[in-house]
């Protein structure tokens, strides 16, 4: 309310999106002004305030880091972060200008950029990085089948062979399919055909009352990539887990047990934005960059 106040970090934070700022000379008008604010606007202010607190003010460490990064942007103005980077998730501390000066190269701002973002265009492709830990001695090895499936994807432009294999899974009983479709809540059946054997002939499939969609190797890759395009700031993958706090070991862990929901996706078979690769190698402490962990 004091016209002489300087809001913290006002150089980079747009406080108009997180606070109601009034003139001290119009003090009596403040109550009516506040009451006239729409509920949607109040919710937006609360969300932005929560974001700013967690990003820049929640600890002494974050306050110091924010101060240092502001000084860094002052010195290297040609590589300074934009106002959008500072005032939108995940914040300026995680949007490193050393990576790129173009907002479209980061996975966080696609919603604001809209269709102008190259990631949302049909011509956008991906590079597959496959980590191999066993020698290739047979054409029937799962890793070779993975290479073929990935290479057949219409979105794949390059395969990086780093020299994790998975064992082939047994084919499920087709008779179970007919039982599933008898449910009144079933509208479609999606089968992920993760089997070494080819698809059975059409006459061997049971009659069903709902459509059956079978996704094979290269189709699974395409499906995961198209899903990821809708959520480019997230990790989209196959091995899902649920994390929990282990009170005996006093550390976090995760489990693959069947639960009602999952909370994480392992990077052993996942699609994610390349910016996270840059953060992993350039931002995280070396103690956290364990190549043997997920």
C-alpha atoms as a PDB file:
ATOM      1  CA  UNK A   1       0.000   0.000   0.000  1.00  0.00           C
ATOM      2  CA  UNK A   2       3.000   2.291   0.297  1.00  0.00           C
ATOM      3  CA  UNK A   3       3.751   3.887  -3.058  1.00  0.00           C
ATOM      4  CA  UNK A   4       7.439   3.874  -2.183  1.00  0.00           C
ATOM      5  CA  UNK A   5       7.686   0.123  -1.600  1.00  0.00           C
ATOM      6  CA  UNK A   6       9.852  -1.971  -3.887  1.00  0.00           C
ATOM      7  CA  UNK A   7       8.534  -5.506  -4.254  1.00  0.00           C
ATOM      8  CA  UNK A   8      11.129  -8.290  -3.883  1.00  0.00           C
ATOM      9  CA  UNK A   9      12.761  -9.337  -7.133  1.00  0.00           C
ATOM     10  CA  UNK A  10      10.561  -6.840  -8.982  1.00  0.00           C
ATOM     11  CA  UNK A  11      13.163  -6.789 -11.720  1.00  0.00           C
ATOM     12  CA  UNK A  12      12.094 -10.225 -12.907  1.00  0.00           C
ATOM     13  CA  UNK A  13       8.742 -10.950 -11.183  1.00  0.00           C
ATOM     14  CA  UNK A  14       5.495  -9.551 -12.569  1.00  0.00           C
ATOM     15  CA  UNK A  15       3.686  -8.899  -9.296  1.00  0.00           C
ATOM     16  CA  UNK A  16       0.513  -7.796 -11.084  1.00  0.00           C
ATOM     17  CA  UNK A  17      -0.190 -11.492 -11.746  1.00  0.00           C
ATOM     18  CA  UNK A  18       0.154 -12.468  -8.081  1.00  0.00           C
ATOM     19  CA  UNK A  19      -0.989  -9.523  -5.961  1.00  0.00           C
ATOM     20  CA  UNK A  20      -3.563  -6.755  -5.792  1.00  0.00           C
ATOM     21  CA  UNK A  21      -1.603  -3.511  -5.852  1.00  0.00           C
ATOM     22  CA  UNK A  22      -3.337  -0.333  -4.723  1.00  0.00           C
ATOM     23  CA  UNK A  23      -2.479   3.339  -4.433  1.00  0.00           C
ATOM     24  CA  UNK A  24      -2.161   4.585  -0.857  1.00  0.00           C
ATOM     25  CA  UNK A  25      -3.977   7.766  -1.882  1.00  0.00           C
ATOM     26  CA  UNK A  26      -7.053   5.674  -2.762  1.00  0.00           C
ATOM     27  CA  UNK A  27      -7.110   3.678   0.443  1.00  0.00           C
ATOM     28  CA  UNK A  28     -10.893   3.861   0.933  1.00  0.00           C
ATOM     29  CA  UNK A  29     -11.509   2.326  -2.487  1.00  0.00           C
ATOM     30  CA  UNK A  30      -9.472  -0.803  -1.768  1.00  0.00           C
ATOM     31  CA  UNK A  31     -12.283  -2.835  -0.056  1.00  0.00           C
ATOM     32  CA  UNK A  32     -14.715  -2.361  -2.939  1.00  0.00           C
ATOM     33  CA  UNK A  33     -11.959  -3.094  -5.453  1.00  0.00           C
ATOM     34  CA  UNK A  34     -11.069  -6.361  -3.719  1.00  0.00           C
ATOM     35  CA  UNK A  35     -14.724  -7.440  -3.491  1.00  0.00           C
ATOM     36  CA  UNK A  36     -15.180  -6.856  -7.222  1.00  0.00           C
ATOM     37  CA  UNK A  37     -12.451  -9.332  -8.192  1.00  0.00           C
ATOM     38  CA  UNK A  38     -13.889 -12.434  -9.864  1.00  0.00           C
ATOM     39  CA  UNK A  39     -13.337 -15.836  -8.251  1.00  0.00           C
ATOM     40  CA  UNK A  40     -11.406 -17.080 -11.273  1.00  0.00           C
ATOM     41  CA  UNK A  41      -9.009 -14.158 -10.903  1.00  0.00           C
ATOM     42  CA  UNK A  42      -8.609 -14.873  -7.186  1.00  0.00           C
ATOM     43  CA  UNK A  43      -7.737 -18.490  -7.970  1.00  0.00           C
ATOM     44  CA  UNK A  44      -5.212 -17.354 -10.556  1.00  0.00           C
ATOM     45  CA  UNK A  45      -3.602 -14.982  -8.042  1.00  0.00           C
ATOM     46  CA  UNK A  46      -3.379 -17.764  -5.452  1.00  0.00           C
ATOM     47  CA  UNK A  47      -1.801 -20.178  -7.909  1.00  0.00           C
ATOM     48  CA  UNK A  48       0.761 -17.629  -9.054  1.00  0.00           C
ATOM     49  CA  UNK A  49       1.577 -16.689  -5.444  1.00  0.00           C
ATOM     50  CA  UNK A  50       2.126 -20.354  -4.583  1.00  0.00           C
ATOM     51  CA  UNK A  51       4.385 -20.791  -7.601  1.00  0.00           C
ATOM     52  CA  UNK A  52       6.474 -17.704  -6.794  1.00  0.00           C
ATOM     53  CA  UNK A  53       6.858 -18.812  -3.172  1.00  0.00           C
ATOM     54  CA  UNK A  54       8.020 -22.311  -4.073  1.00  0.00           C
ATOM     55  CA  UNK A  55      10.291 -21.140  -6.892  1.00  0.00           C
ATOM     56  CA  UNK A  56      12.061 -18.165  -5.315  1.00  0.00           C
ATOM     57  CA  UNK A  57      11.234 -17.621  -1.622  1.00  0.00           C
ATOM     58  CA  UNK A  58      10.713 -21.007   0.075  1.00  0.00           C
ATOM     59  CA  UNK A  59      14.269 -21.238   1.432  1.00  0.00           C
ATOM     60  CA  UNK A  60      17.381 -19.169   1.955  1.00  0.00           C
ATOM     61  CA  UNK A  61      19.081 -21.246  -0.740  1.00  0.00           C
ATOM     62  CA  UNK A  62      16.451 -20.326  -3.331  1.00  0.00           C
ATOM     63  CA  UNK A  63      16.597 -16.644  -2.396  1.00  0.00           C
ATOM     64  CA  UNK A  64      20.382 -16.642  -2.799  1.00  0.00           C
ATOM     65  CA  UNK A  65      20.266 -18.593  -6.075  1.00  0.00           C
ATOM     66  CA  UNK A  66      17.616 -16.251  -7.471  1.00  0.00           C
ATOM     67  CA  UNK A  67      19.733 -13.232  -6.550  1.00  0.00           C
ATOM     68  CA  UNK A  68      22.806 -14.724  -8.215  1.00  0.00           C
ATOM     69  CA  UNK A  69      20.886 -15.605 -11.379  1.00  0.00           C
ATOM     70  CA  UNK A  70      19.483 -12.062 -11.604  1.00  0.00           C
ATOM     71  CA  UNK A  71      23.033 -10.721 -11.405  1.00  0.00           C
ATOM     72  CA  UNK A  72      24.075 -13.256 -14.047  1.00  0.00           C
ATOM     73  CA  UNK A  73      21.351 -12.002 -16.398  1.00  0.00           C
ATOM     74  CA  UNK A  74      22.417  -8.409 -15.805  1.00  0.00           C
ATOM     75  CA  UNK A  75      25.995  -9.195 -16.814  1.00  0.00           C
ATOM     76  CA  UNK A  76      25.175 -11.453 -19.767  1.00  0.00           C
ATOM     77  CA  UNK A  77      22.179  -9.616 -21.169  1.00  0.00           C
ATOM     78  CA  UNK A  78      22.419 -11.393 -24.521  1.00  0.00           C
ATOM     79  CA  UNK A  79      21.746 -14.708 -22.727  1.00  0.00           C
ATOM     80  CA  UNK A  80      19.280 -13.398 -20.132  1.00  0.00           C
ATOM     81  CA  UNK A  81      16.061 -15.251 -19.358  1.00  0.00           C
ATOM     82  CA  UNK A  82      12.840 -13.832 -20.691  1.00  0.00           C
ATOM     83  CA  UNK A  83      10.022 -12.510 -18.495  1.00  0.00           C
ATOM     84  CA  UNK A  84       7.958 -15.597 -19.373  1.00  0.00           C
ATOM     85  CA  UNK A  85      10.664 -17.918 -18.036  1.00  0.00           C
ATOM     86  CA  UNK A  86      10.748 -16.161 -14.680  1.00  0.00           C
ATOM     87  CA  UNK A  87       6.964 -15.923 -14.270  1.00  0.00           C
ATOM     88  CA  UNK A  88       5.777 -19.368 -15.378  1.00  0.00           C
ATOM     89  CA  UNK A  89       6.435 -22.913 -14.231  1.00  0.00           C
ATOM     90  CA  UNK A  90       8.969 -24.256 -13.411  1.00  0.00           C
ATOM     91  CA  UNK A  91      10.630 -20.850 -12.996  1.00  0.00           C
ATOM     92  CA  UNK A  92      13.827 -19.176 -14.073  1.00  0.00           C
ATOM     93  CA  UNK A  93      16.095 -21.343 -11.934  1.00  0.00           C
ATOM     94  CA  UNK A  94      15.250 -24.389 -14.059  1.00  0.00           C
ATOM     95  CA  UNK A  95      15.149 -22.639 -17.432  1.00  0.00           C
ATOM     96  CA  UNK A  96      18.847 -22.420 -18.214  1.00  0.00           C
ATOM     97  CA  UNK A  97      19.669 -19.786 -20.852  1.00  0.00           C
ATOM     98  CA  UNK A  98      22.879 -21.666 -21.676  1.00  0.00           C
ATOM     99  CA  UNK A  99      20.718 -24.314 -23.335  1.00  0.00           C
ATOM    100  CA  UNK A 100      18.798 -22.009 -25.656  1.00  0.00           C
ATOM    101  CA  UNK A 101      17.423 -18.491 -25.951  1.00  0.00           C
ATOM    102  CA  UNK A 102      14.302 -19.706 -27.781  1.00  0.00           C
ATOM    103  CA  UNK A 103      11.295 -20.592 -25.620  1.00  0.00           C
ATOM    104  CA  UNK A 104      10.217 -23.301 -28.050  1.00  0.00           C
ATOM    105  CA  UNK A 105      13.303 -25.344 -27.195  1.00  0.00           C
ATOM    106  CA  UNK A 106      12.050 -25.843 -23.637  1.00  0.00           C
ATOM    107  CA  UNK A 107       9.263 -28.303 -22.765  1.00  0.00           C
ATOM    108  CA  UNK A 108       7.471 -25.986 -20.325  1.00  0.00           C
ATOM    109  CA  UNK A 109       6.092 -23.218 -22.545  1.00  0.00           C
ATOM    110  CA  UNK A 110       4.369 -25.026 -25.427  1.00  0.00           C
ATOM    111  CA  UNK A 111       0.875 -24.252 -24.124  1.00  0.00           C
ATOM    112  CA  UNK A 112       1.627 -20.521 -24.214  1.00  0.00           C
ATOM    113  CA  UNK A 113       3.361 -20.674 -27.591  1.00  0.00           C
ATOM    114  CA  UNK A 114       0.539 -22.677 -29.161  1.00  0.00           C
ATOM    115  CA  UNK A 115       0.822 -24.183 -32.613  1.00  0.00           C
ATOM    116  CA  UNK A 116       3.906 -22.125 -33.436  1.00  0.00           C
ATOM    117  CA  UNK A 117       5.921 -24.594 -31.396  1.00  0.00           C
ATOM    118  CA  UNK A 118       7.783 -27.044 -33.614  1.00  0.00           C
ATOM    119  CA  UNK A 119       7.149 -29.894 -31.166  1.00  0.00           C
ATOM    120  CA  UNK A 120       3.431 -29.846 -31.910  1.00  0.00           C
ATOM    121  CA  UNK A 121       3.847 -29.874 -35.661  1.00  0.00           C
ATOM    122  CA  UNK A 122       3.506 -33.046 -37.692  1.00  0.00           C
ATOM    123  CA  UNK A 123       7.122 -32.952 -38.876  1.00  0.00           C
ATOM    124  CA  UNK A 124       8.625 -33.214 -35.409  1.00  0.00           C
ATOM    125  CA  UNK A 125      10.560 -36.437 -34.824  1.00  0.00           C
ATOM    126  CA  UNK A 126      12.625 -38.095 -32.118  1.00  0.00           C
ATOM    127  CA  UNK A 127      15.998 -39.733 -31.596  1.00  0.00           C
ATOM    128  CA  UNK A 128      15.967 -43.157 -29.929  1.00  0.00           C
ATOM    129  CA  UNK A 129      18.770 -43.905 -27.459  1.00  0.00           C
ATOM    130  CA  UNK A 130      19.085 -47.630 -26.680  1.00  0.00           C
ATOM    131  CA  UNK A 131      21.410 -48.784 -23.903  1.00  0.00           C
ATOM    132  CA  UNK A 132      22.686 -52.321 -24.515  1.00  0.00           C
ATOM    133  CA  UNK A 133      24.530 -54.296 -21.829  1.00  0.00           C
ATOM    134  CA  UNK A 134      24.736 -57.738 -23.480  1.00  0.00           C
ATOM    135  CA  UNK A 135      26.601 -58.798 -26.646  1.00  0.00           C
ATOM    136  CA  UNK A 136      24.631 -59.382 -29.820  1.00  0.00           C
ATOM    137  CA  UNK A 137      25.052 -63.058 -30.663  1.00  0.00           C
ATOM    138  CA  UNK A 138      21.669 -63.997 -32.137  1.00  0.00           C
ATOM    139  CA  UNK A 139      19.181 -62.458 -34.533  1.00  0.00           C
ATOM    140  CA  UNK A 140      16.369 -63.524 -32.184  1.00  0.00           C
ATOM    141  CA  UNK A 141      17.569 -61.422 -29.257  1.00  0.00           C
ATOM    142  CA  UNK A 142      14.947 -59.017 -27.889  1.00  0.00           C
ATOM    143  CA  UNK A 143      17.295 -56.052 -28.324  1.00  0.00           C
ATOM    144  CA  UNK A 144      17.412 -56.569 -32.087  1.00  0.00           C
ATOM    145  CA  UNK A 145      13.626 -56.752 -32.217  1.00  0.00           C
ATOM    146  CA  UNK A 146      13.520 -53.520 -30.249  1.00  0.00           C
ATOM    147  CA  UNK A 147      15.879 -51.883 -32.730  1.00  0.00           C
ATOM    148  CA  UNK A 148      13.692 -52.979 -35.634  1.00  0.00           C
ATOM    149  CA  UNK A 149      10.482 -51.817 -33.927  1.00  0.00           C
ATOM    150  CA  UNK A 150      11.935 -48.403 -33.129  1.00  0.00           C
ATOM    151  CA  UNK A 151      13.477 -47.968 -36.555  1.00  0.00           C
ATOM    152  CA  UNK A 152      10.106 -48.681 -38.211  1.00  0.00           C
ATOM    153  CA  UNK A 153       8.450 -45.825 -36.344  1.00  0.00           C
ATOM    154  CA  UNK A 154       7.362 -43.063 -38.696  1.00  0.00           C
ATOM    155  CA  UNK A 155       8.679 -40.484 -36.227  1.00  0.00           C
ATOM    156  CA  UNK A 156      12.160 -41.945 -35.685  1.00  0.00           C
ATOM    157  CA  UNK A 157      14.977 -40.199 -37.549  1.00  0.00           C
ATOM    158  CA  UNK A 158      17.965 -41.637 -35.702  1.00  0.00           C
ATOM    159  CA  UNK A 159      18.787 -44.561 -33.402  1.00  0.00           C
ATOM    160  CA  UNK A 160      21.621 -44.206 -30.883  1.00  0.00           C
ATOM    161  CA  UNK A 161      23.149 -47.621 -30.134  1.00  0.00           C
ATOM    162  CA  UNK A 162      24.987 -47.404 -26.797  1.00  0.00           C
ATOM    163  CA  UNK A 163      25.776 -51.081 -26.531  1.00  0.00           C
ATOM    164  CA  UNK A 164      18.748 -53.162 -21.290  1.00  0.00           C
ATOM    165  CA  UNK A 165      17.217 -55.904 -22.733  1.00  0.00           C
ATOM    166  CA  UNK A 166      13.845 -57.318 -21.850  1.00  0.00           C
ATOM    167  CA  UNK A 167      12.729 -60.929 -21.990  1.00  0.00           C
ATOM    168  CA  UNK A 168       9.899 -61.846 -24.296  1.00  0.00           C
ATOM    169  CA  UNK A 169       6.537 -62.127 -22.650  1.00  0.00           C
ATOM    170  CA  UNK A 170       4.164 -65.043 -23.059  1.00  0.00           C
ATOM    171  CA  UNK A 171       1.141 -64.589 -25.274  1.00  0.00           C
ATOM    172  CA  UNK A 172      -2.094 -64.236 -23.369  1.00  0.00           C
ATOM    173  CA  UNK A 173      -5.049 -66.519 -23.892  1.00  0.00           C
ATOM    174  CA  UNK A 174      -7.413 -65.131 -26.497  1.00  0.00           C
ATOM    175  CA  UNK A 175     -10.340 -66.723 -24.705  1.00  0.00           C
ATOM    176  CA  UNK A 176      -9.948 -64.188 -21.914  1.00  0.00           C
ATOM    177  CA  UNK A 177     -10.680 -61.430 -24.418  1.00  0.00           C
ATOM    178  CA  UNK A 178     -14.289 -62.533 -24.917  1.00  0.00           C
ATOM    179  CA  UNK A 179     -14.810 -62.595 -21.156  1.00  0.00           C
ATOM    180  CA  UNK A 180     -13.575 -58.989 -20.823  1.00  0.00           C
ATOM    181  CA  UNK A 181     -15.966 -57.653 -23.429  1.00  0.00           C
ATOM    182  CA  UNK A 182     -19.048 -58.953 -21.596  1.00  0.00           C
ATOM    183  CA  UNK A 183     -18.752 -56.118 -19.074  1.00  0.00           C
ATOM    184  CA  UNK A 184     -21.402 -53.409 -19.524  1.00  0.00           C
ATOM    185  CA  UNK A 185     -18.712 -50.778 -18.911  1.00  0.00           C
ATOM    186  CA  UNK A 186     -16.357 -52.003 -21.653  1.00  0.00           C
ATOM    187  CA  UNK A 187     -16.447 -49.866 -24.803  1.00  0.00           C
ATOM    188  CA  UNK A 188     -13.121 -50.833 -26.379  1.00  0.00           C
ATOM    189  CA  UNK A 189     -10.295 -53.330 -25.858  1.00  0.00           C
ATOM    190  CA  UNK A 190      -6.689 -52.260 -26.458  1.00  0.00           C
ATOM    191  CA  UNK A 191      -4.113 -55.063 -26.655  1.00  0.00           C
ATOM    192  CA  UNK A 192      -0.387 -54.304 -26.427  1.00  0.00           C
ATOM    193  CA  UNK A 193       1.037 -57.232 -28.393  1.00  0.00           C
ATOM    194  CA  UNK A 194       4.418 -57.637 -26.680  1.00  0.00           C
ATOM    195  CA  UNK A 195       4.999 -61.181 -27.922  1.00  0.00           C
ATOM    196  CA  UNK A 196       7.645 -62.828 -30.095  1.00  0.00           C
ATOM    197  CA  UNK A 197       4.998 -64.730 -32.051  1.00  0.00           C
ATOM    198  CA  UNK A 198       3.062 -63.077 -34.892  1.00  0.00           C
ATOM    199  CA  UNK A 199      -0.560 -62.085 -34.508  1.00  0.00           C
ATOM    200  CA  UNK A 200      -3.030 -64.981 -34.791  1.00  0.00           C
ATOM    201  CA  UNK A 201      -5.189 -65.234 -37.871  1.00  0.00           C
ATOM    202  CA  UNK A 202      -8.488 -63.355 -37.785  1.00  0.00           C
ATOM    203  CA  UNK A 203     -10.564 -66.547 -37.555  1.00  0.00           C
ATOM    204  CA  UNK A 204      -8.799 -67.467 -34.295  1.00  0.00           C
ATOM    205  CA  UNK A 205      -9.892 -64.299 -32.519  1.00  0.00           C
ATOM    206  CA  UNK A 206     -13.085 -64.627 -30.456  1.00  0.00           C
ATOM    207  CA  UNK A 207     -16.207 -62.701 -31.408  1.00  0.00           C
ATOM    208  CA  UNK A 208     -16.537 -59.501 -29.390  1.00  0.00           C
ATOM    209  CA  UNK A 209     -19.277 -56.912 -29.024  1.00  0.00           C
ATOM    210  CA  UNK A 210     -16.822 -53.994 -28.892  1.00  0.00           C
ATOM    211  CA  UNK A 211     -13.911 -52.901 -31.121  1.00  0.00           C
ATOM    212  CA  UNK A 212     -10.518 -54.519 -30.507  1.00  0.00           C
ATOM    213  CA  UNK A 213      -7.364 -52.476 -31.170  1.00  0.00           C
ATOM    214  CA  UNK A 214      -4.039 -54.325 -31.316  1.00  0.00           C
ATOM    215  CA  UNK A 215      -0.876 -52.248 -30.908  1.00  0.00           C
ATOM    216  CA  UNK A 216       2.315 -53.947 -32.079  1.00  0.00           C
ATOM    217  CA  UNK A 217       5.980 -53.034 -31.659  1.00  0.00           C
ATOM    218  CA  UNK A 218       6.419 -50.002 -33.880  1.00  0.00           C
ATOM    219  CA  UNK A 219       2.814 -48.940 -33.186  1.00  0.00           C
ATOM    220  CA  UNK A 220       3.566 -48.797 -29.457  1.00  0.00           C
ATOM    221  CA  UNK A 221       6.454 -46.446 -30.134  1.00  0.00           C
ATOM    222  CA  UNK A 222       4.307 -44.200 -32.325  1.00  0.00           C
ATOM    223  CA  UNK A 223       1.486 -44.283 -29.775  1.00  0.00           C
ATOM    224  CA  UNK A 224       3.808 -43.271 -26.927  1.00  0.00           C
ATOM    225  CA  UNK A 225       5.307 -40.464 -28.993  1.00  0.00           C
ATOM    226  CA  UNK A 226       1.934 -39.016 -30.017  1.00  0.00           C
ATOM    227  CA  UNK A 227       0.784 -39.144 -26.378  1.00  0.00           C
ATOM    228  CA  UNK A 228       3.985 -37.375 -25.322  1.00  0.00           C
ATOM    229  CA  UNK A 229       3.351 -34.629 -27.882  1.00  0.00           C
ATOM    230  CA  UNK A 230       0.240 -33.707 -25.885  1.00  0.00           C
ATOM    231  CA  UNK A 231       2.256 -33.526 -22.647  1.00  0.00           C
ATOM    232  CA  UNK A 232       5.795 -32.512 -23.719  1.00  0.00           C
ATOM    233  CA  UNK A 233       6.782 -31.384 -20.225  1.00  0.00           C
ATOM    234  CA  UNK A 234       6.194 -34.908 -18.838  1.00  0.00           C
ATOM    235  CA  UNK A 235       7.786 -38.331 -19.179  1.00  0.00           C
ATOM    236  CA  UNK A 236       5.666 -40.808 -21.146  1.00  0.00           C
ATOM    237  CA  UNK A 237       6.738 -44.435 -20.971  1.00  0.00           C
ATOM    238  CA  UNK A 238       5.933 -48.060 -20.289  1.00  0.00           C
ATOM    239  CA  UNK A 239       7.449 -49.211 -16.934  1.00  0.00           C
ATOM    240  CA  UNK A 240       5.267 -47.470 -14.318  1.00  0.00           C
ATOM    241  CA  UNK A 241       5.932 -47.582 -10.585  1.00  0.00           C
ATOM    242  CA  UNK A 242       4.532 -46.264  -7.289  1.00  0.00           C
ATOM    243  CA  UNK A 243       6.921 -44.464  -4.954  1.00  0.00           C
ATOM    244  CA  UNK A 244       6.754 -44.657  -1.166  1.00  0.00           C
ATOM    245  CA  UNK A 245       8.681 -43.643   1.929  1.00  0.00           C
ATOM    246  CA  UNK A 246      10.565 -46.550   3.536  1.00  0.00           C
ATOM    247  CA  UNK A 247      10.621 -45.721   7.259  1.00  0.00           C
ATOM    248  CA  UNK A 248      13.007 -48.592   8.018  1.00  0.00           C
ATOM    249  CA  UNK A 249      15.660 -47.475   5.543  1.00  0.00           C
ATOM    250  CA  UNK A 250      14.691 -43.794   5.916  1.00  0.00           C
ATOM    251  CA  UNK A 251      14.698 -43.166   2.204  1.00  0.00           C
ATOM    252  CA  UNK A 252      12.377 -43.148  -0.787  1.00  0.00           C
ATOM    253  CA  UNK A 253      11.706 -46.294  -2.753  1.00  0.00           C
ATOM    254  CA  UNK A 254       9.342 -47.547  -5.432  1.00  0.00           C
ATOM    255  CA  UNK A 255       7.433 -50.728  -6.142  1.00  0.00           C
ATOM    256  CA  UNK A 256       5.984 -52.454  -9.191  1.00  0.00           C
ATOM    257  CA  UNK A 257       3.085 -54.025  -7.277  1.00  0.00           C
ATOM    258  CA  UNK A 258      -0.354 -53.587  -8.826  1.00  0.00           C
ATOM    259  CA  UNK A 259      -2.056 -50.567  -7.283  1.00  0.00           C
ATOM    260  CA  UNK A 260      -4.930 -48.275  -8.205  1.00  0.00           C
ATOM    261  CA  UNK A 261      -2.544 -45.656  -9.534  1.00  0.00           C
ATOM    262  CA  UNK A 262       1.082 -44.986 -10.411  1.00  0.00           C
ATOM    263  CA  UNK A 263       3.226 -42.030  -9.460  1.00  0.00           C
ATOM    264  CA  UNK A 264       6.328 -42.344 -11.638  1.00  0.00           C
ATOM    265  CA  UNK A 265       7.669 -43.674 -14.919  1.00  0.00           C
ATOM    266  CA  UNK A 266      11.099 -45.264 -15.195  1.00  0.00           C
ATOM    267  CA  UNK A 267      13.390 -43.953 -17.920  1.00  0.00           C
ATOM    268  CA  UNK A 268      14.371 -47.446 -19.058  1.00  0.00           C
ATOM    269  CA  UNK A 269      11.664 -47.231 -21.752  1.00  0.00           C
ATOM    270  CA  UNK A 270      10.292 -43.714 -21.946  1.00  0.00           C
ATOM    271  CA  UNK A 271       9.991 -40.650 -24.153  1.00  0.00           C
ATOM    272  CA  UNK A 272      10.978 -37.294 -22.737  1.00  0.00           C
ATOM    273  CA  UNK A 273      12.226 -33.912 -23.892  1.00  0.00           C
ATOM    274  CA  UNK A 274      15.917 -33.595 -24.653  1.00  0.00           C
ATOM    275  CA  UNK A 275      16.160 -30.604 -22.319  1.00  0.00           C
ATOM    276  CA  UNK A 276      15.980 -33.038 -19.399  1.00  0.00           C
ATOM    277  CA  UNK A 277      19.115 -34.689 -20.760  1.00  0.00           C
ATOM    278  CA  UNK A 278      20.816 -31.303 -20.593  1.00  0.00           C
ATOM    279  CA  UNK A 279      19.666 -30.748 -17.008  1.00  0.00           C
ATOM    280  CA  UNK A 280      20.904 -34.195 -16.020  1.00  0.00           C
ATOM    281  CA  UNK A 281      24.414 -33.566 -17.322  1.00  0.00           C
ATOM    282  CA  UNK A 282      24.788 -29.828 -16.678  1.00  0.00           C
ATOM    283  CA  UNK A 283      22.639 -28.994 -13.638  1.00  0.00           C
ATOM    284  CA  UNK A 284      22.308 -31.975 -11.307  1.00  0.00           C
ATOM    285  CA  UNK A 285      25.123 -32.679  -8.844  1.00  0.00           C
ATOM    286  CA  UNK A 286      27.415 -35.516  -9.847  1.00  0.00           C
ATOM    287  CA  UNK A 287      26.278 -37.525  -6.820  1.00  0.00           C
ATOM    288  CA  UNK A 288      22.748 -37.677  -8.271  1.00  0.00           C
ATOM    289  CA  UNK A 289      23.802 -38.615 -11.798  1.00  0.00           C
ATOM    290  CA  UNK A 290      24.069 -42.336 -11.172  1.00  0.00           C
ATOM    291  CA  UNK A 291      24.079 -44.193 -14.513  1.00  0.00           C
ATOM    292  CA  UNK A 292      22.959 -47.397 -12.782  1.00  0.00           C
ATOM    293  CA  UNK A 293      19.746 -45.918 -11.394  1.00  0.00           C
ATOM    294  CA  UNK A 294      16.494 -44.725 -12.920  1.00  0.00           C
END
